[in-house]
C-alpha atoms as a PDB file:
ATOM      1  CA  MET A   1     310.485 421.004  19.872  1.00  0.00           C
ATOM      2  CA  ARG A   2     312.703 418.487  21.595  1.00  0.00           C
ATOM      3  CA  LYS A   3     310.909 419.083  24.861  1.00  0.00           C
ATOM      4  CA  ASN A   4     307.546 418.533  23.225  1.00  0.00           C
ATOM      5  CA  THR A   5     308.822 415.302  21.649  1.00  0.00           C
ATOM      6  CA  GLY A   6     309.915 414.092  25.076  1.00  0.00           C
ATOM      7  CA  ILE A   7     306.534 414.884  26.570  1.00  0.00           C
ATOM      8  CA  GLY A   8     304.771 413.142  23.674  1.00  0.00           C
ATOM      9  CA  SER A   9     306.963 410.060  24.073  1.00  0.00           C
ATOM     10  CA  GLY A  10     306.235 410.003  27.786  1.00  0.00           C
ATOM     11  CA  LEU A  11     302.506 410.236  27.179  1.00  0.00           C
ATOM     12  CA  THR A  12     302.698 407.497  24.543  1.00  0.00           C
ATOM     13  CA  PHE A  13     304.667 405.258  26.894  1.00  0.00           C
ATOM     14  CA  SER A  14     302.186 405.882  29.714  1.00  0.00           C
ATOM     15  CA  PHE A  15     299.271 405.143  27.388  1.00  0.00           C
ATOM     16  CA  LEU A  16     300.847 401.882  26.161  1.00  0.00           C
ATOM     17  CA  ALA A  17     301.741 400.890  29.703  1.00  0.00           C
ATOM     18  CA  GLY A  18     298.139 401.523  30.721  1.00  0.00           C
ATOM     19  CA  LEU A  19     296.894 399.343  27.866  1.00  0.00           C
ATOM     20  CA  ALA A  20     299.315 396.576  28.858  1.00  0.00           C
ATOM     21  CA  ALA A  21     298.190 396.754  32.489  1.00  0.00           C
ATOM     22  CA  THR A  22     294.542 396.690  31.437  1.00  0.00           C
ATOM     23  CA  GLY A  23     295.213 393.689  29.189  1.00  0.00           C
ATOM     24  CA  ALA A  24     297.064 391.886  31.979  1.00  0.00           C
ATOM     25  CA  ASP A  25     294.207 392.566  34.411  1.00  0.00           C
ATOM     26  CA  ALA A  26     291.661 391.271  31.893  1.00  0.00           C
ATOM     27  CA  GLN A  27     293.732 388.141  31.286  1.00  0.00           C
ATOM     28  CA  SER A  28     294.095 387.581  35.039  1.00  0.00           C
ATOM     29  CA  ALA A  29     290.330 387.975  35.526  1.00  0.00           C
ATOM     30  CA  ALA A  30     289.641 385.529  32.676  1.00  0.00           C
ATOM     31  CA  SER A  31     292.032 382.969  34.208  1.00  0.00           C
ATOM     32  CA  GLN A  32     290.350 383.384  37.596  1.00  0.00           C
ATOM     33  CA  GLU A  33     286.926 382.754  36.046  1.00  0.00           C
ATOM     34  CA  LEU A  34     288.273 379.638  34.302  1.00  0.00           C
ATOM     35  CA  ALA A  35     289.687 378.404  37.597  1.00  0.00           C
ATOM     36  CA  LYS A  36     286.340 378.991  39.317  1.00  0.00           C
ATOM     37  CA  SER A  37     284.544 377.179  36.495  1.00  0.00           C
ATOM     38  CA  LEU A  38     286.715 374.123  37.165  1.00  0.00           C
ATOM     39  CA  SER A  39     285.482 374.111  40.758  1.00  0.00           C
ATOM     40  CA  ASN A  40     281.947 373.714  39.397  1.00  0.00           C
ATOM     41  CA  PRO A  41     281.329 370.082  38.298  1.00  0.00           C
ATOM     42  CA  ILE A  42     278.493 371.173  35.983  1.00  0.00           C
ATOM     43  CA  SER A  43     279.844 374.404  34.514  1.00  0.00           C
ATOM     44  CA  SER A  44     279.183 375.166  30.841  1.00  0.00           C
ATOM     45  CA  LEU A  45     282.860 374.625  30.047  1.00  0.00           C
ATOM     46  CA  ILE A  46     284.311 371.765  28.031  1.00  0.00           C
ATOM     47  CA  SER A  47     287.177 370.282  30.030  1.00  0.00           C
ATOM     48  CA  VAL A  48     289.228 367.102  29.890  1.00  0.00           C
ATOM     49  CA  PRO A  49     290.803 366.281  33.265  1.00  0.00           C
ATOM     50  CA  PHE A  50     293.476 363.617  33.687  1.00  0.00           C
ATOM     51  CA  VAL A  51     293.627 362.626  37.368  1.00  0.00           C
ATOM     52  CA  LEU A  52     296.426 360.364  38.656  1.00  0.00           C
ATOM     53  CA  ASP A  53     296.019 358.736  42.091  1.00  0.00           C
ATOM     54  CA  TYR A  54     298.617 356.645  43.911  1.00  0.00           C
ATOM     55  CA  ASP A  55     297.709 354.589  46.988  1.00  0.00           C
ATOM     56  CA  GLU A  56     299.381 351.965  49.167  1.00  0.00           C
ATOM     57  CA  GLY A  57     298.385 349.509  51.878  1.00  0.00           C
ATOM     58  CA  LEU A  58     295.908 347.609  49.706  1.00  0.00           C
ATOM     59  CA  GLY A  59     295.047 343.920  49.635  1.00  0.00           C
ATOM     60  CA  PRO A  60     294.583 341.335  52.388  1.00  0.00           C
ATOM     61  CA  ASN A  61     298.269 341.531  53.332  1.00  0.00           C
ATOM     62  CA  GLY A  62     298.372 345.330  53.331  1.00  0.00           C
ATOM     63  CA  ASP A  63     301.358 345.445  50.956  1.00  0.00           C
ATOM     64  CA  GLY A  64     299.529 346.218  47.716  1.00  0.00           C
ATOM     65  CA  ARG A  65     299.715 349.436  45.763  1.00  0.00           C
ATOM     66  CA  ALA A  66     297.689 350.941  42.938  1.00  0.00           C
ATOM     67  CA  THR A  67     298.174 353.726  40.418  1.00  0.00           C
ATOM     68  CA  VAL A  68     294.959 354.890  38.754  1.00  0.00           C
ATOM     69  CA  LEU A  69     294.818 357.369  35.871  1.00  0.00           C
ATOM     70  CA  LYS A  70     291.264 358.642  35.367  1.00  0.00           C
ATOM     71  CA  LEU A  71     290.235 360.342  32.148  1.00  0.00           C
ATOM     72  CA  GLN A  72     287.219 362.503  33.057  1.00  0.00           C
ATOM     73  CA  PRO A  73     285.862 364.530  30.106  1.00  0.00           C
ATOM     74  CA  VAL A  74     283.083 367.017  30.875  1.00  0.00           C
ATOM     75  CA  VAL A  75     280.969 368.138  27.913  1.00  0.00           C
ATOM     76  CA  PRO A  76     277.966 370.508  28.255  1.00  0.00           C
ATOM     77  CA  PHE A  77     275.108 370.628  25.758  1.00  0.00           C
ATOM     78  CA  SER A  78     272.585 373.451  25.515  1.00  0.00           C
ATOM     79  CA  ILE A  79     268.918 372.407  25.691  1.00  0.00           C
ATOM     80  CA  GLY A  80     266.805 375.382  24.718  1.00  0.00           C
ATOM     81  CA  GLU A  81     267.133 378.740  26.423  1.00  0.00           C
ATOM     82  CA  ASP A  82     266.992 377.634  30.055  1.00  0.00           C
ATOM     83  CA  TRP A  83     268.685 374.243  30.468  1.00  0.00           C
ATOM     84  CA  ASN A  84     272.009 372.483  29.959  1.00  0.00           C
ATOM     85  CA  LEU A  85     272.768 368.784  29.790  1.00  0.00           C
ATOM     86  CA  ILE A  86     276.233 368.030  31.173  1.00  0.00           C
ATOM     87  CA  SER A  87     277.930 364.738  30.381  1.00  0.00           C
ATOM     88  CA  ARG A  88     280.585 363.581  32.875  1.00  0.00           C
ATOM     89  CA  THR A  89     282.530 360.391  32.112  1.00  0.00           C
ATOM     90  CA  ILE A  90     285.112 358.609  34.263  1.00  0.00           C
ATOM     91  CA  ILE A  91     287.385 356.124  32.467  1.00  0.00           C
ATOM     92  CA  PRO A  92     289.966 354.560  34.831  1.00  0.00           C
ATOM     93  CA  PHE A  93     293.256 353.051  33.702  1.00  0.00           C
ATOM     94  CA  ILE A  94     294.625 350.930  36.546  1.00  0.00           C
ATOM     95  CA  ASP A  95     298.003 349.429  37.380  1.00  0.00           C
ATOM     96  CA  GLN A  96     298.068 347.477  40.628  1.00  0.00           C
ATOM     97  CA  ASP A  97     300.306 345.001  42.400  1.00  0.00           C
ATOM     98  CA  GLY A  98     299.582 342.917  45.505  1.00  0.00           C
ATOM     99  CA  VAL A  99     295.913 343.906  45.650  1.00  0.00           C
ATOM    100  CA  VAL A 100     295.239 340.290  44.715  1.00  0.00           C
ATOM    101  CA  PRO A 101     297.970 338.333  46.574  1.00  0.00           C
ATOM    102  CA  ASN A 102     300.997 337.329  44.506  1.00  0.00           C
ATOM    103  CA  SER A 103     299.721 338.941  41.320  1.00  0.00           C
ATOM    104  CA  SER A 104     299.535 342.211  39.425  1.00  0.00           C
ATOM    105  CA  GLN A 105     297.060 343.627  36.936  1.00  0.00           C
ATOM    106  CA  SER A 106     297.031 346.467  34.421  1.00  0.00           C
ATOM    107  CA  GLY A 107     294.198 347.642  32.225  1.00  0.00           C
ATOM    108  CA  VAL A 108     290.930 349.524  32.015  1.00  0.00           C
ATOM    109  CA  GLY A 109     288.465 349.582  34.924  1.00  0.00           C
ATOM    110  CA  ASP A 110     284.697 350.088  34.951  1.00  0.00           C
ATOM    111  CA  VAL A 111     283.406 353.263  33.268  1.00  0.00           C
ATOM    112  CA  VAL A 112     281.020 355.571  35.139  1.00  0.00           C
ATOM    113  CA  GLN A 113     278.809 357.831  33.017  1.00  0.00           C
ATOM    114  CA  SER A 114     276.726 360.638  34.543  1.00  0.00           C
ATOM    115  CA  PHE A 115     274.265 363.071  32.982  1.00  0.00           C
ATOM    116  CA  PHE A 116     273.144 366.239  34.764  1.00  0.00           C
ATOM    117  CA  PHE A 117     270.169 368.337  33.700  1.00  0.00           C
ATOM    118  CA  SER A 118     270.953 371.797  35.040  1.00  0.00           C
ATOM    119  CA  PRO A 119     269.288 375.245  34.760  1.00  0.00           C
ATOM    120  CA  LYS A 120     271.512 377.745  32.975  1.00  0.00           C
ATOM    121  CA  ALA A 121     270.767 380.422  35.576  1.00  0.00           C
ATOM    122  CA  PRO A 122     271.450 379.970  39.315  1.00  0.00           C
ATOM    123  CA  SER A 123     268.506 380.015  41.717  1.00  0.00           C
ATOM    124  CA  ARG A 124     267.439 383.234  43.462  1.00  0.00           C
ATOM    125  CA  GLY A 125     269.649 382.254  46.365  1.00  0.00           C
ATOM    126  CA  GLY A 126     272.625 381.802  44.031  1.00  0.00           C
ATOM    127  CA  TRP A 127     272.632 378.007  44.083  1.00  0.00           C
ATOM    128  CA  ILE A 128     273.682 376.003  41.029  1.00  0.00           C
ATOM    129  CA  TRP A 129     272.263 372.503  40.789  1.00  0.00           C
ATOM    130  CA  GLY A 130     271.836 369.555  38.471  1.00  0.00           C
ATOM    131  CA  ALA A 131     270.439 366.028  38.573  1.00  0.00           C
ATOM    132  CA  GLY A 132     270.053 363.024  36.317  1.00  0.00           C
ATOM    133  CA  PRO A 133     270.941 359.376  35.725  1.00  0.00           C
ATOM    134  CA  VAL A 134     274.263 357.638  36.332  1.00  0.00           C
ATOM    135  CA  PHE A 135     275.466 354.351  34.836  1.00  0.00           C
ATOM    136  CA  LEU A 136     278.239 351.886  35.705  1.00  0.00           C
ATOM    137  CA  PHE A 137     279.444 349.865  32.721  1.00  0.00           C
ATOM    138  CA  PRO A 138     281.371 346.579  33.275  1.00  0.00           C
ATOM    139  CA  THR A 139     284.223 347.520  30.949  1.00  0.00           C
ATOM    140  CA  ALA A 140     287.084 346.203  33.121  1.00  0.00           C
ATOM    141  CA  SER A 141     289.724 344.304  31.147  1.00  0.00           C
ATOM    142  CA  ASP A 142     290.403 342.053  34.160  1.00  0.00           C
ATOM    143  CA  ASP A 143     288.021 340.705  36.812  1.00  0.00           C
ATOM    144  CA  ALA A 144     290.291 342.170  39.505  1.00  0.00           C
ATOM    145  CA  LEU A 145     289.909 345.686  38.047  1.00  0.00           C
ATOM    146  CA  GLY A 146     286.122 345.940  38.140  1.00  0.00           C
ATOM    147  CA  LEU A 147     282.817 344.690  39.512  1.00  0.00           C
ATOM    148  CA  ASP A 148     281.706 342.742  36.421  1.00  0.00           C
ATOM    149  CA  GLN A 149     278.211 344.221  36.722  1.00  0.00           C
ATOM    150  CA  PHE A 150     276.042 346.797  35.031  1.00  0.00           C
ATOM    151  CA  ALA A 151     274.504 349.301  37.441  1.00  0.00           C
ATOM    152  CA  ILE A 152     272.197 352.265  37.167  1.00  0.00           C
ATOM    153  CA  GLY A 153     271.198 355.012  39.560  1.00  0.00           C
ATOM    154  CA  LEU A 154     270.616 358.677  40.250  1.00  0.00           C
ATOM    155  CA  THR A 155     273.078 361.510  40.700  1.00  0.00           C
ATOM    156  CA  GLY A 156     272.843 365.124  41.774  1.00  0.00           C
ATOM    157  CA  VAL A 157     274.987 368.127  42.635  1.00  0.00           C
ATOM    158  CA  ALA A 158     274.374 371.457  44.358  1.00  0.00           C
ATOM    159  CA  LEU A 159     276.893 374.249  44.867  1.00  0.00           C
ATOM    160  CA  LYS A 160     277.254 377.957  45.464  1.00  0.00           C
ATOM    161  CA  GLN A 161     279.949 380.366  44.314  1.00  0.00           C
ATOM    162  CA  SER A 162     280.442 383.455  46.438  1.00  0.00           C
ATOM    163  CA  GLY A 163     283.414 385.663  45.631  1.00  0.00           C
ATOM    164  CA  PRO A 164     286.513 383.454  45.554  1.00  0.00           C
ATOM    165  CA  TRP A 165     284.733 380.594  47.351  1.00  0.00           C
ATOM    166  CA  THR A 166     282.992 377.564  45.866  1.00  0.00           C
ATOM    167  CA  TYR A 167     281.295 375.008  48.104  1.00  0.00           C
ATOM    168  CA  GLY A 168     278.774 372.221  47.661  1.00  0.00           C
ATOM    169  CA  ALA A 169     278.409 368.483  47.242  1.00  0.00           C
ATOM    170  CA  LEU A 170     277.969 365.845  44.537  1.00  0.00           C
ATOM    171  CA  ALA A 171     276.283 362.512  45.257  1.00  0.00           C
ATOM    172  CA  ASN A 172     275.030 359.404  43.506  1.00  0.00           C
ATOM    173  CA  HIS A 173     273.677 355.958  44.239  1.00  0.00           C
ATOM    174  CA  LEU A 174     274.085 352.864  42.065  1.00  0.00           C
ATOM    175  CA  TRP A 175     272.074 349.633  42.025  1.00  0.00           C
ATOM    176  CA  GLY A 176     273.260 346.513  40.203  1.00  0.00           C
ATOM    177  CA  VAL A 177     271.044 345.257  37.366  1.00  0.00           C
ATOM    178  CA  GLY A 178     270.843 341.660  36.103  1.00  0.00           C
ATOM    179  CA  ASN A 179     273.669 340.357  38.260  1.00  0.00           C
ATOM    180  CA  ASP A 180     274.546 336.748  37.384  1.00  0.00           C
ATOM    181  CA  THR A 181     278.160 336.788  38.582  1.00  0.00           C
ATOM    182  CA  GLY A 182     277.513 335.119  41.934  1.00  0.00           C
ATOM    183  CA  ASN A 183     278.947 338.194  43.666  1.00  0.00           C
ATOM    184  CA  PRO A 184     276.817 340.596  45.737  1.00  0.00           C
ATOM    185  CA  SER A 185     274.922 343.080  43.583  1.00  0.00           C
ATOM    186  CA  VAL A 186     276.174 346.657  43.449  1.00  0.00           C
ATOM    187  CA  ASN A 187     274.441 348.790  46.061  1.00  0.00           C
ATOM    188  CA  ALA A 188     276.655 351.779  46.782  1.00  0.00           C
ATOM    189  CA  SER A 189     276.339 355.456  47.635  1.00  0.00           C
ATOM    190  CA  PHE A 190     278.915 358.095  46.722  1.00  0.00           C
ATOM    191  CA  LEU A 191     279.207 361.481  48.463  1.00  0.00           C
ATOM    192  CA  GLN A 192     281.663 364.222  47.524  1.00  0.00           C
ATOM    193  CA  PRO A 193     281.437 367.407  49.588  1.00  0.00           C
ATOM    194  CA  PHE A 194     283.907 370.047  48.389  1.00  0.00           C
ATOM    195  CA  VAL A 195     285.155 373.549  49.121  1.00  0.00           C
ATOM    196  CA  SER A 196     287.658 375.618  47.169  1.00  0.00           C
ATOM    197  CA  TYR A 197     289.206 379.081  47.201  1.00  0.00           C
ATOM    198  CA  THR A 198     290.434 380.742  43.992  1.00  0.00           C
ATOM    199  CA  THR A 199     292.879 383.658  44.108  1.00  0.00           C
ATOM    200  CA  LYS A 200     293.017 386.585  41.677  1.00  0.00           C
ATOM    201  CA  ASN A 201     296.058 385.064  39.964  1.00  0.00           C
ATOM    202  CA  SER A 202     294.125 381.797  39.363  1.00  0.00           C
ATOM    203  CA  TRP A 203     295.558 379.590  42.092  1.00  0.00           C
ATOM    204  CA  THR A 204     292.893 377.271  43.528  1.00  0.00           C
ATOM    205  CA  PHE A 205     293.093 375.549  46.920  1.00  0.00           C
ATOM    206  CA  SER A 206     290.613 372.675  47.240  1.00  0.00           C
ATOM    207  CA  LEU A 207     289.538 370.270  49.957  1.00  0.00           C
ATOM    208  CA  GLN A 208     287.183 367.414  49.148  1.00  0.00           C
ATOM    209  CA  THR A 209     286.089 364.007  50.346  1.00  0.00           C
ATOM    210  CA  GLU A 210     285.197 361.165  47.961  1.00  0.00           C
ATOM    211  CA  ALA A 211     283.278 358.869  50.293  1.00  0.00           C
ATOM    212  CA  THR A 212     281.681 355.602  49.172  1.00  0.00           C
ATOM    213  CA  TYR A 213     279.396 353.481  51.328  1.00  0.00           C
ATOM    214  CA  ASN A 214     278.821 349.842  50.357  1.00  0.00           C
ATOM    215  CA  TRP A 215     275.370 348.859  51.628  1.00  0.00           C
ATOM    216  CA  GLN A 216     276.102 345.164  51.115  1.00  0.00           C
ATOM    217  CA  SER A 217     279.224 345.019  53.290  1.00  0.00           C
ATOM    218  CA  GLU A 218     278.204 348.063  55.395  1.00  0.00           C
ATOM    219  CA  GLN A 219     281.663 349.587  54.981  1.00  0.00           C
ATOM    220  CA  TRP A 220     282.948 353.073  54.161  1.00  0.00           C
ATOM    221  CA  ALA A 221     285.846 354.119  51.933  1.00  0.00           C
ATOM    222  CA  VAL A 222     286.742 357.750  52.694  1.00  0.00           C
ATOM    223  CA  PRO A 223     289.752 359.440  51.085  1.00  0.00           C
ATOM    224  CA  ILE A 224     290.229 363.133  51.897  1.00  0.00           C
ATOM    225  CA  ASN A 225     291.997 365.113  49.167  1.00  0.00           C
ATOM    226  CA  GLY A 226     293.840 368.410  49.545  1.00  0.00           C
ATOM    227  CA  ILE A 227     294.728 369.865  46.121  1.00  0.00           C
ATOM    228  CA  VAL A 228     296.484 372.998  44.855  1.00  0.00           C
ATOM    229  CA  SER A 229     296.089 373.908  41.165  1.00  0.00           C
ATOM    230  CA  LYS A 230     297.007 376.754  38.818  1.00  0.00           C
ATOM    231  CA  ILE A 231     295.795 377.914  35.403  1.00  0.00           C
ATOM    232  CA  VAL A 232     298.696 378.288  32.950  1.00  0.00           C
ATOM    233  CA  THR A 233     298.943 378.775  29.202  1.00  0.00           C
ATOM    234  CA  ILE A 234     300.711 376.151  27.093  1.00  0.00           C
ATOM    235  CA  GLY A 235     300.954 376.694  23.358  1.00  0.00           C
ATOM    236  CA  GLY A 236     298.308 379.400  23.575  1.00  0.00           C
ATOM    237  CA  HIS A 237     295.795 377.113  25.298  1.00  0.00           C
ATOM    238  CA  PRO A 238     294.713 377.291  28.972  1.00  0.00           C
ATOM    239  CA  VAL A 239     295.617 374.276  31.089  1.00  0.00           C
ATOM    240  CA  SER A 240     295.120 373.598  34.782  1.00  0.00           C
ATOM    241  CA  LEU A 241     298.020 371.887  36.573  1.00  0.00           C
ATOM    242  CA  GLY A 242     297.646 370.604  40.124  1.00  0.00           C
ATOM    243  CA  GLY A 243     298.655 368.145  42.765  1.00  0.00           C
ATOM    244  CA  GLY A 244     298.290 367.284  46.406  1.00  0.00           C
ATOM    245  CA  VAL A 245     297.903 364.598  49.005  1.00  0.00           C
ATOM    246  CA  ARG A 246     295.115 362.252  50.047  1.00  0.00           C
ATOM    247  CA  TYR A 247     294.513 360.580  53.374  1.00  0.00           C
ATOM    248  CA  TRP A 248     292.309 357.532  53.892  1.00  0.00           C
ATOM    249  CA  SER A 249     290.368 358.306  57.067  1.00  0.00           C
ATOM    250  CA  GLU A 250     288.414 355.074  56.679  1.00  0.00           C
ATOM    251  CA  ALA A 251     288.702 352.094  54.348  1.00  0.00           C
ATOM    252  CA  PRO A 252     287.088 348.659  53.954  1.00  0.00           C
ATOM    253  CA  ALA A 253     288.974 345.412  54.440  1.00  0.00           C
ATOM    254  CA  GLY A 254     291.695 345.253  51.799  1.00  0.00           C
ATOM    255  CA  GLY A 255     291.299 348.958  50.994  1.00  0.00           C
ATOM    256  CA  ALA A 256     293.982 351.625  50.849  1.00  0.00           C
ATOM    257  CA  LYS A 257     295.468 352.901  54.104  1.00  0.00           C
ATOM    258  CA  GLY A 258     297.313 355.998  55.227  1.00  0.00           C
ATOM    259  CA  TRP A 259     298.567 358.601  52.785  1.00  0.00           C
ATOM    260  CA  GLY A 260     298.461 358.765  49.009  1.00  0.00           C
ATOM    261  CA  ALA A 261     299.114 361.305  46.274  1.00  0.00           C
ATOM    262  CA  ARG A 262     297.151 362.974  43.477  1.00  0.00           C
ATOM    263  CA  LEU A 263     298.272 364.810  40.345  1.00  0.00           C
ATOM    264  CA  ASN A 264     295.971 366.356  37.751  1.00  0.00           C
ATOM    265  CA  VAL A 265     296.198 367.996  34.365  1.00  0.00           C
ATOM    266  CA  THR A 266     293.048 369.525  32.867  1.00  0.00           C
ATOM    267  CA  LEU A 267     292.732 370.671  29.285  1.00  0.00           C
ATOM    268  CA  LEU A 268     290.300 373.598  28.972  1.00  0.00           C
ATOM    269  CA  PHE A 269     288.228 374.611  25.976  1.00  0.00           C
ATOM    270  CA  PRO A 270     286.483 377.905  26.812  1.00  0.00           C
ATOM    271  CA  LYS A 271     283.862 379.249  24.429  1.00  0.00           C
END
């Protein structure tokens, strides 16, 4: 009888261990899918990223610095059986010193609002895409923190996810509307090619470029960002934590130079 009890206990332990391993594998797979969803700018996942950038070498004297915290909520809406509408908002909070000589500014910058109409199912070739309008609102609390113009344009994104890889590009173009500031009207293109690799334990390694071309001044601003992030659970809720470096390969007069840093925290709200 004792031997039978030992065998039964062993079988029970093995069964429970198998359940635990299966549960751990399922949780790991779910975290990996969440991490891959974050690599997709138009995924059907509610997320609230907080992105902190630090740059130096700004201003006419090259001794300015800026810290920018961007709140970037992404909210998808279902439109019928086949389409989603994804809202992407960028609200910058800026603290800068020396960008304007002998002065410093802190406050809110201009808000960028994008809407993407996107099919719920990828194309036959596996491509995910979306397109729609983009708006620039002159919400800056200080003239030195924004463009003081309303602008409107078009935006689009296309990407493919194959195994652990995600690659694609997001782009937009903005034109100033009703400019009476005396400054050149907004006429700028934004291009963000990106590639990322997500591991089975939900680490993501990303490389992206956030290039802007000003058609008025005919100048590029091109930071290259290398980011490492990880899905963790805090208080029972999934959160993505990440950080990395950025290098300005090209910048306009008075723009950032050399190396900078990026940190990000993204709150996730899976269905």
